[in-house]
C-alpha atoms as a PDB file:
ATOM      1  CA  MET A   1      -0.215   0.092   0.074  1.00  0.00           C
ATOM      2  CA  ILE A   2       2.926   2.437   0.793  1.00  0.00           C
ATOM      3  CA  PHE A   3       4.763   1.493  -2.375  1.00  0.00           C
ATOM      4  CA  PHE A   4       1.465   1.989  -4.403  1.00  0.00           C
ATOM      5  CA  HIS A   5       0.908   5.176  -2.555  1.00  0.00           C
ATOM      6  CA  TYR A   6       4.395   6.290  -3.375  1.00  0.00           C
ATOM      7  CA  ILE A   7       4.058   5.785  -7.209  1.00  0.00           C
ATOM      8  CA  ASN A   8       0.699   7.580  -7.079  1.00  0.00           C
ATOM      9  CA  VAL A   9      -1.718   4.694  -8.041  1.00  0.00           C
ATOM     10  CA  PRO A  10      -4.778   5.335  -5.923  1.00  0.00           C
ATOM     11  CA  PHE A  11      -6.546   2.356  -7.044  1.00  0.00           C
ATOM     12  CA  LEU A  12      -3.867  -0.163  -6.248  1.00  0.00           C
ATOM     13  CA  VAL A  13      -3.544   1.714  -2.674  1.00  0.00           C
ATOM     14  CA  ALA A  14      -7.365   0.815  -2.223  1.00  0.00           C
ATOM     15  CA  PHE A  15      -6.876  -2.651  -3.848  1.00  0.00           C
ATOM     16  CA  SER A  16      -4.489  -3.272  -0.930  1.00  0.00           C
ATOM     17  CA  ILE A  17      -7.224  -3.270   1.551  1.00  0.00           C
ATOM     18  CA  PRO A  18      -8.873  -6.552   0.363  1.00  0.00           C
ATOM     19  CA  ASP A  19      -5.482  -7.841  -0.192  1.00  0.00           C
ATOM     20  CA  ALA A  20      -4.780  -7.591   3.602  1.00  0.00           C
ATOM     21  CA  CYS A  21      -8.223  -8.885   4.278  1.00  0.00           C
ATOM     22  CA  VAL A  22      -7.584 -12.051   2.438  1.00  0.00           C
ATOM     23  CA  TYR A  23      -4.627 -12.848   4.463  1.00  0.00           C
ATOM     24  CA  ILE A  24      -6.435 -12.238   7.840  1.00  0.00           C
ATOM     25  CA  ILE A  25      -9.145 -14.594   6.616  1.00  0.00           C
ATOM     26  CA  GLY A  26      -6.464 -16.938   5.801  1.00  0.00           C
ATOM     27  CA  PHE A  27      -5.116 -17.069   9.206  1.00  0.00           C
ATOM     28  CA  ILE A  28      -8.817 -17.420  10.501  1.00  0.00           C
ATOM     29  CA  LEU A  29      -9.286 -20.490   8.157  1.00  0.00           C
ATOM     30  CA  ILE A  30      -6.105 -22.073   9.297  1.00  0.00           C
ATOM     31  CA  TYR A  31      -7.174 -21.420  13.001  1.00  0.00           C
ATOM     32  CA  PHE A  32     -10.384 -23.612  12.217  1.00  0.00           C
ATOM     33  CA  ASP A  33      -8.475 -26.221  10.172  1.00  0.00           C
ATOM     34  CA  LYS A  34     -10.152 -25.290   7.020  1.00  0.00           C
ATOM     35  CA  LEU A  35      -6.916 -25.880   5.067  1.00  0.00           C
ATOM     36  CA  ASN A  36      -8.497 -26.704   1.671  1.00  0.00           C
ATOM     37  CA  ILE A  37     -10.665 -23.647   1.712  1.00  0.00           C
ATOM     38  CA  TYR A  38      -7.551 -21.691   2.769  1.00  0.00           C
ATOM     39  CA  VAL A  39      -5.366 -23.130  -0.159  1.00  0.00           C
ATOM     40  CA  TRP A  40      -7.960 -22.190  -2.527  1.00  0.00           C
ATOM     41  CA  LEU A  41      -8.597 -18.756  -1.341  1.00  0.00           C
ATOM     42  CA  ILE A  42      -4.801 -17.978  -1.313  1.00  0.00           C
ATOM     43  CA  TYR A  43      -3.914 -19.279  -4.687  1.00  0.00           C
ATOM     44  CA  SER A  44      -6.895 -17.693  -6.294  1.00  0.00           C
ATOM     45  CA  TRP A  45      -6.011 -14.523  -4.778  1.00  0.00           C
ATOM     46  CA  ILE A  46      -2.232 -14.209  -5.635  1.00  0.00           C
ATOM     47  CA  THR A  47      -3.125 -15.229  -9.171  1.00  0.00           C
ATOM     48  CA  PHE A  48      -5.759 -12.678  -9.390  1.00  0.00           C
ATOM     49  CA  TYR A  49      -3.525  -9.972  -7.247  1.00  0.00           C
ATOM     50  CA  THR A  50      -0.502 -10.489  -9.776  1.00  0.00           C
ATOM     51  CA  GLY A  51      -2.919 -10.278 -12.916  1.00  0.00           C
ATOM     52  CA  VAL A  52      -4.722  -6.922 -11.464  1.00  0.00           C
ATOM     53  CA  THR A  53      -0.900  -5.263 -10.745  1.00  0.00           C
ATOM     54  CA  THR A  54       0.640  -6.317 -13.817  1.00  0.00           C
ATOM     55  CA  VAL A  55      -2.334  -5.055 -15.967  1.00  0.00           C
ATOM     56  CA  CYS A  56      -2.419  -1.786 -13.854  1.00  0.00           C
ATOM     57  CA  ILE A  57       1.129  -0.737 -13.898  1.00  0.00           C
ATOM     58  CA  GLY A  58       2.980  -3.298 -16.246  1.00  0.00           C
ATOM     59  CA  SER A  59       5.540  -6.175 -15.902  1.00  0.00           C
ATOM     60  CA  GLY A  60       8.093  -3.784 -15.387  1.00  0.00           C
ATOM     61  CA  TYR A  61       7.835  -3.936 -11.496  1.00  0.00           C
ATOM     62  CA  GLY A  62       7.980  -7.754 -11.320  1.00  0.00           C
ATOM     63  CA  PHE A  63       4.651  -8.353  -9.515  1.00  0.00           C
ATOM     64  CA  HIS A  64       3.932 -11.100 -12.424  1.00  0.00           C
ATOM     65  CA  LEU A  65       6.900 -13.248 -11.150  1.00  0.00           C
ATOM     66  CA  TYR A  66       5.077 -14.438  -7.979  1.00  0.00           C
ATOM     67  CA  CYS A  67       2.990 -16.645 -10.200  1.00  0.00           C
ATOM     68  CA  PHE A  68       5.951 -18.827 -10.670  1.00  0.00           C
ATOM     69  CA  SER A  69       6.553 -19.491  -7.193  1.00  0.00           C
ATOM     70  CA  MET A  70       3.043 -20.951  -6.910  1.00  0.00           C
ATOM     71  CA  ILE A  71       3.316 -23.661  -9.140  1.00  0.00           C
ATOM     72  CA  PRO A  72       5.795 -25.893  -7.219  1.00  0.00           C
ATOM     73  CA  ILE A  73       3.843 -25.289  -3.968  1.00  0.00           C
ATOM     74  CA  ILE A  74       0.670 -26.607  -5.483  1.00  0.00           C
ATOM     75  CA  PHE A  75       2.346 -29.772  -6.133  1.00  0.00           C
ATOM     76  CA  VAL A  76       3.699 -30.216  -2.854  1.00  0.00           C
ATOM     77  CA  THR A  77       0.402 -29.331  -1.221  1.00  0.00           C
ATOM     78  CA  GLU A  78      -1.358 -31.962  -3.124  1.00  0.00           C
ATOM     79  CA  TYR A  79       1.310 -34.413  -1.731  1.00  0.00           C
ATOM     80  CA  ILE A  80       0.812 -33.355   1.809  1.00  0.00           C
ATOM     81  CA  ALA A  81      -3.091 -33.395   1.363  1.00  0.00           C
ATOM     82  CA  TYR A  82      -2.618 -37.085  -0.007  1.00  0.00           C
ATOM     83  CA  LYS A  83      -0.323 -37.810   3.360  1.00  0.00           C
ATOM     84  CA  GLN A  84      -2.876 -36.231   5.434  1.00  0.00           C
ATOM     85  CA  ASN A  85      -5.992 -37.822   3.905  1.00  0.00           C
ATOM     86  CA  ARG A  86      -7.224 -34.392   3.024  1.00  0.00           C
ATOM     87  CA  ARG A  87      -8.807 -33.003   0.270  1.00  0.00           C
ATOM     88  CA  SER A  88      -6.824 -30.919  -2.262  1.00  0.00           C
ATOM     89  CA  MET A  89      -6.986 -29.257  -5.530  1.00  0.00           C
ATOM     90  CA  LYS A  90      -5.488 -31.169  -8.369  1.00  0.00           C
ATOM     91  CA  ALA A  91      -1.975 -29.695  -8.979  1.00  0.00           C
ATOM     92  CA  LEU A  92      -1.702 -30.102 -12.720  1.00  0.00           C
ATOM     93  CA  PRO A  93      -5.071 -28.695 -14.033  1.00  0.00           C
ATOM     94  CA  VAL A  94      -4.527 -25.766 -11.541  1.00  0.00           C
ATOM     95  CA  SER A  95      -0.849 -24.951 -12.542  1.00  0.00           C
ATOM     96  CA  ILE A  96      -2.192 -24.960 -16.291  1.00  0.00           C
ATOM     97  CA  VAL A  97      -4.831 -22.500 -15.470  1.00  0.00           C
ATOM     98  CA  ILE A  98      -2.582 -20.256 -13.584  1.00  0.00           C
ATOM     99  CA  GLY A  99       0.089 -20.556 -16.561  1.00  0.00           C
ATOM    100  CA  ILE A 100      -2.778 -19.626 -19.142  1.00  0.00           C
ATOM    101  CA  PHE A 101      -3.796 -16.659 -16.782  1.00  0.00           C
ATOM    102  CA  TYR A 102      -0.357 -15.561 -16.593  1.00  0.00           C
ATOM    103  CA  ILE A 103       0.043 -15.420 -20.027  1.00  0.00           C
ATOM    104  CA  ILE A 104      -2.952 -13.674 -20.701  1.00  0.00           C
ATOM    105  CA  TYR A 105      -2.488 -10.717 -18.478  1.00  0.00           C
ATOM    106  CA  THR A 106       1.166 -10.295 -19.411  1.00  0.00           C
ATOM    107  CA  SER A 107       0.333 -10.277 -23.161  1.00  0.00           C
ATOM    108  CA  CYS A 108      -2.534  -7.831 -22.217  1.00  0.00           C
ATOM    109  CA  SER A 109      -0.126  -5.525 -20.413  1.00  0.00           C
ATOM    110  CA  VAL A 110       2.466  -5.650 -23.313  1.00  0.00           C
ATOM    111  CA  TYR A 111       0.027  -5.341 -26.101  1.00  0.00           C
ATOM    112  CA  PHE A 112      -2.219  -2.698 -24.704  1.00  0.00           C
ATOM    113  CA  GLY A 113       0.356  -1.000 -22.276  1.00  0.00           C
ATOM    114  CA  PRO A 114      -0.505  -0.703 -18.590  1.00  0.00           C
ATOM    115  CA  VAL A 115      -3.568   1.239 -17.448  1.00  0.00           C
ATOM    116  CA  PHE A 116      -1.661   3.709 -15.193  1.00  0.00           C
ATOM    117  CA  GLU A 117       1.686   5.041 -16.720  1.00  0.00           C
ATOM    118  CA  CYS A 118       4.431   5.056 -14.095  1.00  0.00           C
ATOM    119  CA  SER A 119       7.629   6.120 -15.107  1.00  0.00           C
ATOM    120  CA  HIS A 120       9.560   6.035 -11.920  1.00  0.00           C
ATOM    121  CA  ARG A 121      13.141   5.812 -11.088  1.00  0.00           C
ATOM    122  CA  HIS A 122      12.795   2.901  -8.592  1.00  0.00           C
ATOM    123  CA  LYS A 123      11.006   0.660 -11.324  1.00  0.00           C
ATOM    124  CA  THR A 124      14.204  -1.367 -12.026  1.00  0.00           C
ATOM    125  CA  MET A 125      14.930  -1.520  -8.313  1.00  0.00           C
ATOM    126  CA  LEU A 126      11.956  -2.963  -7.481  1.00  0.00           C
ATOM    127  CA  TRP A 127      11.818  -5.257 -10.392  1.00  0.00           C
ATOM    128  CA  SER A 128      15.061  -6.626  -8.997  1.00  0.00           C
ATOM    129  CA  PHE A 129      13.979  -6.828  -5.554  1.00  0.00           C
ATOM    130  CA  ASN A 130      10.733  -8.898  -6.453  1.00  0.00           C
ATOM    131  CA  ALA A 131      12.841 -11.039  -8.807  1.00  0.00           C
ATOM    132  CA  PHE A 132      15.367 -11.662  -5.986  1.00  0.00           C
ATOM    133  CA  ILE A 133      12.628 -12.486  -3.561  1.00  0.00           C
ATOM    134  CA  VAL A 134      10.998 -15.219  -6.007  1.00  0.00           C
ATOM    135  CA  PHE A 135      14.142 -16.892  -7.125  1.00  0.00           C
ATOM    136  CA  CYS A 136      15.576 -16.986  -3.440  1.00  0.00           C
ATOM    137  CA  PHE A 137      12.024 -18.648  -2.577  1.00  0.00           C
ATOM    138  CA  LEU A 138      12.371 -21.030  -5.500  1.00  0.00           C
ATOM    139  CA  ILE A 139      15.891 -21.935  -4.659  1.00  0.00           C
ATOM    140  CA  SER A 140      15.280 -22.373  -1.107  1.00  0.00           C
ATOM    141  CA  PHE A 141      11.912 -24.270  -1.607  1.00  0.00           C
ATOM    142  CA  THR A 142      13.634 -26.845  -4.144  1.00  0.00           C
ATOM    143  CA  TYR A 143      16.717 -27.358  -1.807  1.00  0.00           C
ATOM    144  CA  TYR A 144      14.382 -28.166   1.187  1.00  0.00           C
ATOM    145  CA  LEU A 145      12.171 -30.140  -0.920  1.00  0.00           C
ATOM    146  CA  ILE A 146      15.064 -32.297  -2.361  1.00  0.00           C
ATOM    147  CA  LYS A 147      16.488 -32.654   1.397  1.00  0.00           C
ATOM    148  CA  VAL A 148      12.891 -33.922   2.559  1.00  0.00           C
ATOM    149  CA  ILE A 149      12.999 -36.338  -0.462  1.00  0.00           C
ATOM    150  CA  ILE A 150      16.433 -37.821   0.317  1.00  0.00           C
ATOM    151  CA  ILE A 151      15.528 -38.182   3.945  1.00  0.00           C
ATOM    152  CA  SER A 152      12.181 -39.824   3.049  1.00  0.00           C
ATOM    153  CA  GLU A 153      14.224 -42.155   0.685  1.00  0.00           C
ATOM    154  CA  GLU A 154      16.664 -42.903   3.672  1.00  0.00           C
ATOM    155  CA  LYS A 155      13.983 -43.732   5.773  1.00  0.00           C
ATOM    156  CA  LEU A 156      12.335 -45.996   3.139  1.00  0.00           C
ATOM    157  CA  LYS A 157      15.627 -47.725   2.440  1.00  0.00           C
ATOM    158  CA  LYS A 158      16.215 -48.352   6.187  1.00  0.00           C
ATOM    159  CA  ALA A 159      12.765 -49.673   6.818  1.00  0.00           C
ATOM    160  CA  ALA A 160      13.002 -52.124   3.749  1.00  0.00           C
ATOM    161  CA  GLN A 161      16.356 -53.236   5.241  1.00  0.00           C
ATOM    162  CA  THR A 162      15.875 -53.418   8.852  1.00  0.00           C
ATOM    163  CA  ASP A 163      14.156 -55.793  11.188  1.00  0.00           C
ATOM    164  CA  PRO A 164      11.673 -53.409  13.216  1.00  0.00           C
ATOM    165  CA  LEU A 165      12.024 -55.575  16.504  1.00  0.00           C
ATOM    166  CA  THR A 166      15.625 -55.802  16.792  1.00  0.00           C
ATOM    167  CA  GLN A 167      16.914 -52.713  14.420  1.00  0.00           C
ATOM    168  CA  LEU A 168      19.263 -55.226  12.787  1.00  0.00           C
ATOM    169  CA  TYR A 169      19.428 -55.977   9.083  1.00  0.00           C
ATOM    170  CA  ASN A 170      16.772 -58.069   7.724  1.00  0.00           C
ATOM    171  CA  ARG A 171      16.759 -61.173   5.575  1.00  0.00           C
ATOM    172  CA  HIS A 172      16.478 -59.169   2.456  1.00  0.00           C
ATOM    173  CA  TYR A 173      19.261 -56.891   2.981  1.00  0.00           C
ATOM    174  CA  MET A 174      21.537 -59.839   3.975  1.00  0.00           C
ATOM    175  CA  PHE A 175      20.971 -62.124   1.066  1.00  0.00           C
ATOM    176  CA  ASP A 176      21.619 -59.006  -1.401  1.00  0.00           C
ATOM    177  CA  ARG A 177      24.618 -58.470   0.710  1.00  0.00           C
ATOM    178  CA  LEU A 178      25.877 -62.362   0.147  1.00  0.00           C
ATOM    179  CA  GLU A 179      24.972 -61.817  -3.524  1.00  0.00           C
ATOM    180  CA  ASN A 180      27.476 -58.999  -3.651  1.00  0.00           C
ATOM    181  CA  ILE A 181      30.090 -60.686  -1.693  1.00  0.00           C
ATOM    182  CA  THR A 182      29.970 -63.842  -4.056  1.00  0.00           C
ATOM    183  CA  ASN A 183      30.079 -61.485  -7.302  1.00  0.00           C
ATOM    184  CA  GLU A 184      33.015 -59.706  -5.998  1.00  0.00           C
ATOM    185  CA  ASP A 185      34.589 -63.092  -4.634  1.00  0.00           C
ATOM    186  CA  LYS A 186      35.433 -61.735  -1.264  1.00  0.00           C
ATOM    187  CA  GLN A 187      36.765 -64.194   1.471  1.00  0.00           C
ATOM    188  CA  CYS A 188      34.743 -63.786   4.689  1.00  0.00           C
ATOM    189  CA  ILE A 189      33.090 -66.093   7.210  1.00  0.00           C
ATOM    190  CA  LEU A 190      29.337 -66.600   7.730  1.00  0.00           C
ATOM    191  CA  ALA A 191      27.832 -67.632  11.095  1.00  0.00           C
ATOM    192  CA  MET A 192      24.039 -68.836  11.460  1.00  0.00           C
ATOM    193  CA  THR A 193      23.147 -68.267  15.164  1.00  0.00           C
ATOM    194  CA  ASP A 194      20.071 -69.654  16.898  1.00  0.00           C
ATOM    195  CA  ILE A 195      18.574 -68.986  20.331  1.00  0.00           C
ATOM    196  CA  ASP A 196      18.365 -72.363  22.192  1.00  0.00           C
ATOM    197  CA  ASP A 197      14.945 -73.586  23.103  1.00  0.00           C
ATOM    198  CA  PHE A 198      13.369 -70.279  22.168  1.00  0.00           C
ATOM    199  CA  LYS A 199       9.882 -72.069  21.707  1.00  0.00           C
ATOM    200  CA  GLN A 200      10.087 -72.918  25.585  1.00  0.00           C
ATOM    201  CA  ILE A 201      10.893 -69.347  26.432  1.00  0.00           C
ATOM    202  CA  ASN A 202       7.798 -68.220  24.627  1.00  0.00           C
ATOM    203  CA  ASP A 203       5.610 -70.798  26.212  1.00  0.00           C
ATOM    204  CA  THR A 204       6.761 -70.367  29.585  1.00  0.00           C
ATOM    205  CA  TYR A 205       7.160 -66.574  29.801  1.00  0.00           C
ATOM    206  CA  GLY A 206       4.884 -65.245  26.813  1.00  0.00           C
ATOM    207  CA  HIS A 207       5.845 -63.940  23.395  1.00  0.00           C
ATOM    208  CA  ASN A 208       6.719 -60.426  24.874  1.00  0.00           C
ATOM    209  CA  ALA A 209       9.302 -62.062  26.947  1.00  0.00           C
ATOM    210  CA  GLY A 210      10.711 -63.797  23.681  1.00  0.00           C
ATOM    211  CA  ASP A 211      10.799 -60.230  22.004  1.00  0.00           C
ATOM    212  CA  GLU A 212      13.004 -58.982  25.026  1.00  0.00           C
ATOM    213  CA  VAL A 213      15.257 -61.982  24.433  1.00  0.00           C
ATOM    214  CA  LEU A 214      15.705 -61.112  20.804  1.00  0.00           C
ATOM    215  CA  LYS A 215      16.359 -57.482  21.413  1.00  0.00           C
ATOM    216  CA  HIS A 216      18.768 -58.420  24.308  1.00  0.00           C
ATOM    217  CA  LEU A 217      20.719 -60.868  21.911  1.00  0.00           C
ATOM    218  CA  SER A 218      20.801 -58.266  19.275  1.00  0.00           C
ATOM    219  CA  GLU A 219      22.566 -55.486  21.633  1.00  0.00           C
ATOM    220  CA  LEU A 220      25.083 -58.051  22.807  1.00  0.00           C
ATOM    221  CA  ALA A 221      25.795 -59.146  19.127  1.00  0.00           C
ATOM    222  CA  ARG A 222      26.279 -55.426  18.048  1.00  0.00           C
ATOM    223  CA  LYS A 223      28.787 -54.926  20.944  1.00  0.00           C
ATOM    224  CA  GLU A 224      30.788 -58.183  20.447  1.00  0.00           C
ATOM    225  CA  CYS A 225      30.604 -58.342  16.712  1.00  0.00           C
ATOM    226  CA  SER A 226      31.119 -54.503  16.104  1.00  0.00           C
ATOM    227  CA  ASP A 227      32.982 -55.243  12.894  1.00  0.00           C
ATOM    228  CA  CYS A 228      30.399 -57.749  11.464  1.00  0.00           C
ATOM    229  CA  GLU A 229      27.094 -57.299   9.360  1.00  0.00           C
ATOM    230  CA  ILE A 230      24.448 -58.707  11.552  1.00  0.00           C
ATOM    231  CA  SER A 231      21.010 -59.661  10.566  1.00  0.00           C
ATOM    232  CA  ARG A 232      17.758 -61.085  11.987  1.00  0.00           C
ATOM    233  CA  TRP A 233      17.455 -64.143   9.361  1.00  0.00           C
ATOM    234  CA  GLY A 234      14.111 -65.150  10.599  1.00  0.00           C
ATOM    235  CA  GLY A 235      12.341 -65.989  14.055  1.00  0.00           C
ATOM    236  CA  GLU A 236      15.121 -66.651  16.473  1.00  0.00           C
ATOM    237  CA  GLU A 237      17.750 -66.942  13.827  1.00  0.00           C
ATOM    238  CA  PHE A 238      20.612 -64.382  13.132  1.00  0.00           C
ATOM    239  CA  LEU A 239      23.058 -64.336  10.111  1.00  0.00           C
ATOM    240  CA  ILE A 240      26.196 -62.840  10.719  1.00  0.00           C
ATOM    241  CA  ILE A 241      29.207 -61.806   8.229  1.00  0.00           C
ATOM    242  CA  SER A 242      32.463 -61.574   9.693  1.00  0.00           C
ATOM    243  CA  TYR A 243      35.459 -59.905   7.577  1.00  0.00           C
ATOM    244  CA  ALA A 244      37.994 -60.839  10.405  1.00  0.00           C
ATOM    245  CA  PRO A 245      40.668 -63.792  10.123  1.00  0.00           C
ATOM    246  CA  TYR A 246      39.075 -67.144  10.681  1.00  0.00           C
ATOM    247  CA  GLN A 247      40.588 -68.019  14.117  1.00  0.00           C
ATOM    248  CA  ASP A 248      39.848 -64.281  15.183  1.00  0.00           C
ATOM    249  CA  THR A 249      36.162 -64.905  14.197  1.00  0.00           C
ATOM    250  CA  VAL A 250      35.629 -68.311  15.870  1.00  0.00           C
ATOM    251  CA  ALA A 251      37.262 -66.664  19.124  1.00  0.00           C
ATOM    252  CA  MET A 252      34.505 -63.609  18.586  1.00  0.00           C
ATOM    253  CA  PHE A 253      31.733 -65.830  18.579  1.00  0.00           C
ATOM    254  CA  GLU A 254      33.040 -67.919  21.337  1.00  0.00           C
ATOM    255  CA  GLU A 255      33.193 -64.816  23.284  1.00  0.00           C
ATOM    256  CA  LEU A 256      29.444 -63.967  22.211  1.00  0.00           C
ATOM    257  CA  ARG A 257      28.240 -67.293  23.171  1.00  0.00           C
ATOM    258  CA  LYS A 258      29.670 -66.775  26.719  1.00  0.00           C
ATOM    259  CA  LYS A 259      28.441 -63.315  27.035  1.00  0.00           C
ATOM    260  CA  VAL A 260      24.812 -64.577  26.271  1.00  0.00           C
ATOM    261  CA  GLU A 261      25.188 -67.583  28.625  1.00  0.00           C
ATOM    262  CA  THR A 262      26.217 -65.269  31.630  1.00  0.00           C
ATOM    263  CA  SER A 263      23.718 -62.442  30.824  1.00  0.00           C
ATOM    264  CA  PRO A 264      20.374 -63.379  31.674  1.00  0.00           C
ATOM    265  CA  VAL A 265      17.579 -61.612  30.599  1.00  0.00           C
ATOM    266  CA  SER A 266      15.372 -59.580  33.069  1.00  0.00           C
ATOM    267  CA  TYR A 267      11.491 -59.545  32.461  1.00  0.00           C
ATOM    268  CA  ASP A 268       8.599 -59.029  34.657  1.00  0.00           C
ATOM    269  CA  GLY A 269      10.861 -59.592  37.641  1.00  0.00           C
ATOM    270  CA  LYS A 270      12.015 -63.081  36.505  1.00  0.00           C
ATOM    271  CA  GLU A 271      15.578 -63.978  35.206  1.00  0.00           C
ATOM    272  CA  ILE A 272      15.406 -65.857  31.773  1.00  0.00           C
ATOM    273  CA  ASN A 273      18.537 -67.766  31.130  1.00  0.00           C
ATOM    274  CA  VAL A 274      19.476 -67.710  27.549  1.00  0.00           C
ATOM    275  CA  THR A 275      21.898 -69.671  25.341  1.00  0.00           C
ATOM    276  CA  ILE A 276      23.046 -69.761  21.690  1.00  0.00           C
ATOM    277  CA  THR A 277      24.337 -72.350  19.215  1.00  0.00           C
ATOM    278  CA  VAL A 278      26.308 -71.141  16.252  1.00  0.00           C
ATOM    279  CA  GLY A 279      27.229 -72.621  12.899  1.00  0.00           C
ATOM    280  CA  VAL A 280      30.289 -71.230  11.305  1.00  0.00           C
ATOM    281  CA  ALA A 281      31.202 -71.709   7.730  1.00  0.00           C
ATOM    282  CA  SER A 282      34.038 -69.819   5.560  1.00  0.00           C
ATOM    283  CA  ARG A 283      33.237 -69.359   1.887  1.00  0.00           C
ATOM    284  CA  CYS A 284      34.847 -71.381  -0.644  1.00  0.00           C
ATOM    285  CA  SER A 285      35.899 -69.636  -4.108  1.00  0.00           C
ATOM    286  CA  GLY A 286      32.749 -69.849  -6.641  1.00  0.00           C
ATOM    287  CA  GLN A 287      30.459 -70.990  -3.921  1.00  0.00           C
ATOM    288  CA  ASP A 288      27.078 -69.558  -4.314  1.00  0.00           C
ATOM    289  CA  PRO A 289      25.198 -67.770  -1.253  1.00  0.00           C
ATOM    290  CA  ASP A 290      22.657 -70.598  -0.934  1.00  0.00           C
ATOM    291  CA  LYS A 291      25.179 -73.381  -0.788  1.00  0.00           C
ATOM    292  CA  TRP A 292      27.166 -71.128   1.733  1.00  0.00           C
ATOM    293  CA  ILE A 293      24.214 -70.536   3.863  1.00  0.00           C
ATOM    294  CA  GLN A 294      23.294 -74.171   3.980  1.00  0.00           C
ATOM    295  CA  ILE A 295      26.758 -75.470   5.155  1.00  0.00           C
ATOM    296  CA  ALA A 296      26.325 -72.794   8.159  1.00  0.00           C
ATOM    297  CA  ASP A 297      22.811 -73.899   8.851  1.00  0.00           C
ATOM    298  CA  ASN A 298      23.766 -77.517   8.894  1.00  0.00           C
ATOM    299  CA  ARG A 299      26.559 -77.007  11.475  1.00  0.00           C
ATOM    300  CA  LEU A 300      24.096 -75.082  13.511  1.00  0.00           C
ATOM    301  CA  TYR A 301      21.589 -77.986  13.387  1.00  0.00           C
ATOM    302  CA  TYR A 302      24.508 -80.314  14.185  1.00  0.00           C
ATOM    303  CA  GLY A 303      25.459 -78.184  17.461  1.00  0.00           C
ATOM    304  CA  LYS A 304      21.454 -78.009  18.340  1.00  0.00           C
ATOM    305  CA  ASN A 305      21.480 -81.807  17.859  1.00  0.00           C
ATOM    306  CA  ASN A 306      24.596 -82.355  20.082  1.00  0.00           C
ATOM    307  CA  GLY A 307      24.024 -80.474  23.333  1.00  0.00           C
ATOM    308  CA  LYS A 308      23.507 -76.961  22.245  1.00  0.00           C
ATOM    309  CA  ASN A 309      25.094 -73.898  23.616  1.00  0.00           C
ATOM    310  CA  CYS A 310      28.264 -74.403  21.370  1.00  0.00           C
ATOM    311  CA  ILE A 311      30.124 -73.267  18.194  1.00  0.00           C
ATOM    312  CA  VAL A 312      30.354 -75.520  15.346  1.00  0.00           C
ATOM    313  CA  VAL A 313      33.010 -75.214  12.867  1.00  0.00           C
ATOM    314  CA  ASN A 314      33.312 -78.492  11.081  1.00  0.00           C
ATOM    315  CA  ASN A 315      30.317 -80.806  12.150  1.00  0.00           C
ATOM    316  CA  ASP A 316      32.396 -81.454  15.425  1.00  0.00           C
ATOM    317  CA  VAL A 317      31.547 -79.637  18.523  1.00  0.00           C
END
């Protein structure tokens, strides 16, 4: 309003009054959670406002540029409405309408000339200011949007690769990892680990207690096997990839076994004693992941059938 008064356009001075009223109404709509009405009101008004100001004083002051900032917001608004299960405007047709309206009023301004002739010395400065604001917004908004997308993708990727209970890698991630190791012909060691008598723990103490046991073992495995890749393979089974030398790996798993045996799980005022059995297998050159897993699994079940609470490296406890 001050600017329009400064360039002596009384009509736009008066036009600033409903402009202010629209934003006051917008705050009220937000307060009462009428977001769909708010979005329609603000977008319609900004489009109309940029058209009126451009027709009145021409495009030389840069008010028409604000239309460019609306279009990316419309698409994000539609996405947010979808995420919140709200009604929303359809971004594509609305942005097309805005684009058509923009072309019409800028063309009219160029062809017929502005309604009010304003040859003001600050014209270029104001156009530069409006252009700066619009481009800063577009750059900032795009940067923010890309960051949100990257964070969202990382969360989705983590969710797809992580077991929700233990926060370890899941079976899907580990099988892909084993495929990569096979393709790269890396030498490493695989261990299939199983909680002994886990069904009995669930039957005696309940499934919530079983979940606590799984989380407890996951924490111990993370601490004792810090340089390994650990996954919850399924149920009470864990698959661990070690890149350390063979003897060091076997010693590490033995240390993990002892740690589990001497660290009972506290649940509902009770102490639950837990032990594990581990089947260890080195990878032979050219060996496919299924065969490698099968060898570790066979050694695990050999240990389960021969006393449990042990490390099996060659079908011999």
